[in-house]
Amino acid sequence: MDKRGKKVIKSTVRTRIEELLHEARAAFRGHAERSERYISLIWKLVQKYKIRLTKEEKLSFCKRCFTLWVPGKTVQIAFDQRHHAVMYKCKKCGFTRKMLYK
């Protein structure tokens, strides 16, 4: 496949990821299971087509249990001043993600 075909596929997958993330946020309040399903579909697309997620997309869900992260409800956010990092801890599975800042 030529480069143009790959670009078309990746741009299509990118829009699909954005749509699924929007649908997951909309379905979270009423149907948490459906929200997790949408996020697992996002993760499958990322792995299959080797798409890099943006920082905002990375911080919107847990990659271990596919739970949508809502501050205060499903994720606990803490600042680690010693290492200059923001710690995100999933309340469902305990997965911790550390994002450095300057």
Protein backbone atom coordinates (compact mmCIF):
# COMPACT_ATOMS: atom_id res chain seq x y z
CA MET A 1 0.00 0.00 0.00
CA ASP A 2 1.31 3.43 -0.87
CA LYS A 3 1.82 6.26 1.60
CA ARG A 4 -1.32 8.07 0.47
CA GLY A 5 -3.48 5.04 1.29
CA LYS A 6 -1.94 4.72 4.73
CA LYS A 7 -2.57 8.41 5.42
CA VAL A 8 -6.22 8.04 4.44
CA ILE A 9 -6.64 5.00 6.69
CA LYS A 10 -4.92 6.69 9.65
CA SER A 11 -6.98 9.87 9.28
CA THR A 12 -10.17 7.80 9.15
CA VAL A 13 -9.13 5.86 12.24
CA ARG A 14 -8.24 9.14 14.01
CA THR A 15 -11.76 10.53 13.39
CA ARG A 16 -13.27 7.22 14.55
CA ILE A 17 -11.27 7.40 17.79
CA GLU A 18 -12.51 10.94 18.43
CA GLU A 19 -16.12 9.87 17.78
CA LEU A 20 -15.84 6.86 20.10
CA LEU A 21 -14.33 8.98 22.86
CA HIS A 22 -17.17 11.49 22.51
CA GLU A 23 -19.74 8.66 22.66
CA ALA A 24 -18.01 7.16 25.72
CA ARG A 25 -18.27 10.48 27.55
CA ALA A 26 -21.94 10.80 26.61
CA ALA A 27 -22.77 7.24 27.70
CA PHE A 28 -20.81 7.32 30.98
CA ARG A 29 -23.54 8.69 33.23
CA GLY A 30 -26.27 6.26 32.19
CA HIS A 31 -24.38 3.23 30.90
CA ALA A 32 -20.89 2.73 32.33
CA GLU A 33 -20.54 -0.69 30.66
CA ARG A 34 -21.20 0.82 27.25
CA SER A 35 -18.61 3.50 27.95
CA GLU A 36 -16.03 0.81 28.77
CA ARG A 37 -16.90 -1.00 25.53
CA TYR A 38 -16.31 2.15 23.49
CA ILE A 39 -12.94 2.67 25.13
CA SER A 40 -11.93 -0.95 24.54
CA LEU A 41 -12.76 -0.40 20.84
CA ILE A 42 -10.54 2.68 20.87
CA TRP A 43 -7.69 0.65 22.36
CA LYS A 44 -8.10 -2.06 19.70
CA LEU A 45 -7.91 0.57 16.95
CA VAL A 46 -4.80 2.09 18.52
CA GLN A 47 -3.06 -1.27 18.65
CA LYS A 48 -4.12 -2.44 15.20
CA TYR A 49 -3.25 0.72 13.26
CA LYS A 50 -0.40 1.91 15.52
CA ILE A 51 -1.96 5.32 16.13
CA ARG A 52 -0.45 7.63 18.75
CA LEU A 53 -2.98 9.13 21.12
CA THR A 54 -2.78 12.78 22.07
CA LYS A 55 -2.03 13.71 25.67
CA GLU A 56 -5.68 14.62 26.27
CA GLU A 57 -6.83 11.26 24.90
CA LYS A 58 -4.27 9.36 26.99
CA LEU A 59 -5.53 11.01 30.16
CA SER A 60 -9.18 10.33 29.45
CA PHE A 61 -9.25 6.60 30.25
CA CYS A 62 -7.49 3.78 32.12
CA LYS A 63 -5.64 1.50 29.76
CA ARG A 64 -5.85 -1.46 32.14
CA CYS A 65 -9.60 -1.62 32.90
CA PHE A 66 -10.91 0.75 30.14
CA THR A 67 -12.75 3.00 32.58
CA LEU A 68 -13.44 6.57 31.52
CA TRP A 69 -11.58 8.86 33.88
CA VAL A 70 -13.76 11.49 35.52
CA PRO A 71 -11.85 13.47 38.18
CA GLY A 72 -13.25 12.77 41.63
CA LYS A 73 -15.46 9.86 40.52
CA THR A 74 -13.25 7.34 38.77
CA VAL A 75 -9.76 8.83 39.08
CA GLN A 76 -7.78 10.39 41.91
CA ILE A 77 -5.35 13.15 40.91
CA ALA A 78 -2.35 14.06 43.07
CA PHE A 79 0.74 16.24 42.63
CA ASP A 80 4.19 14.83 43.37
CA GLN A 81 6.31 17.92 43.96
CA ARG A 82 9.52 15.99 44.53
CA HIS A 83 9.49 14.41 41.06
CA HIS A 84 7.54 17.22 39.33
CA ALA A 85 4.76 14.91 38.24
CA VAL A 86 0.99 14.62 38.26
CA MET A 87 -0.21 11.21 39.42
CA TYR A 88 -3.46 9.76 38.11
CA LYS A 89 -4.77 6.73 40.03
CA CYS A 90 -7.75 4.72 38.80
CA LYS A 91 -10.23 4.04 41.60
CA LYS A 92 -11.50 0.87 39.94
CA CYS A 93 -8.29 -1.13 39.36
CA GLY A 94 -5.56 0.92 41.07
CA PHE A 95 -3.55 1.61 37.89
CA THR A 96 -1.28 4.66 38.30
CA ARG A 97 -0.13 6.91 35.48
CA LYS A 98 2.52 9.57 36.06
CA MET A 99 2.80 12.60 33.77
CA LEU A 100 5.84 14.83 34.21
CA TYR A 101 5.59 18.61 34.14
CA LYS A 102 8.09 21.42 34.26
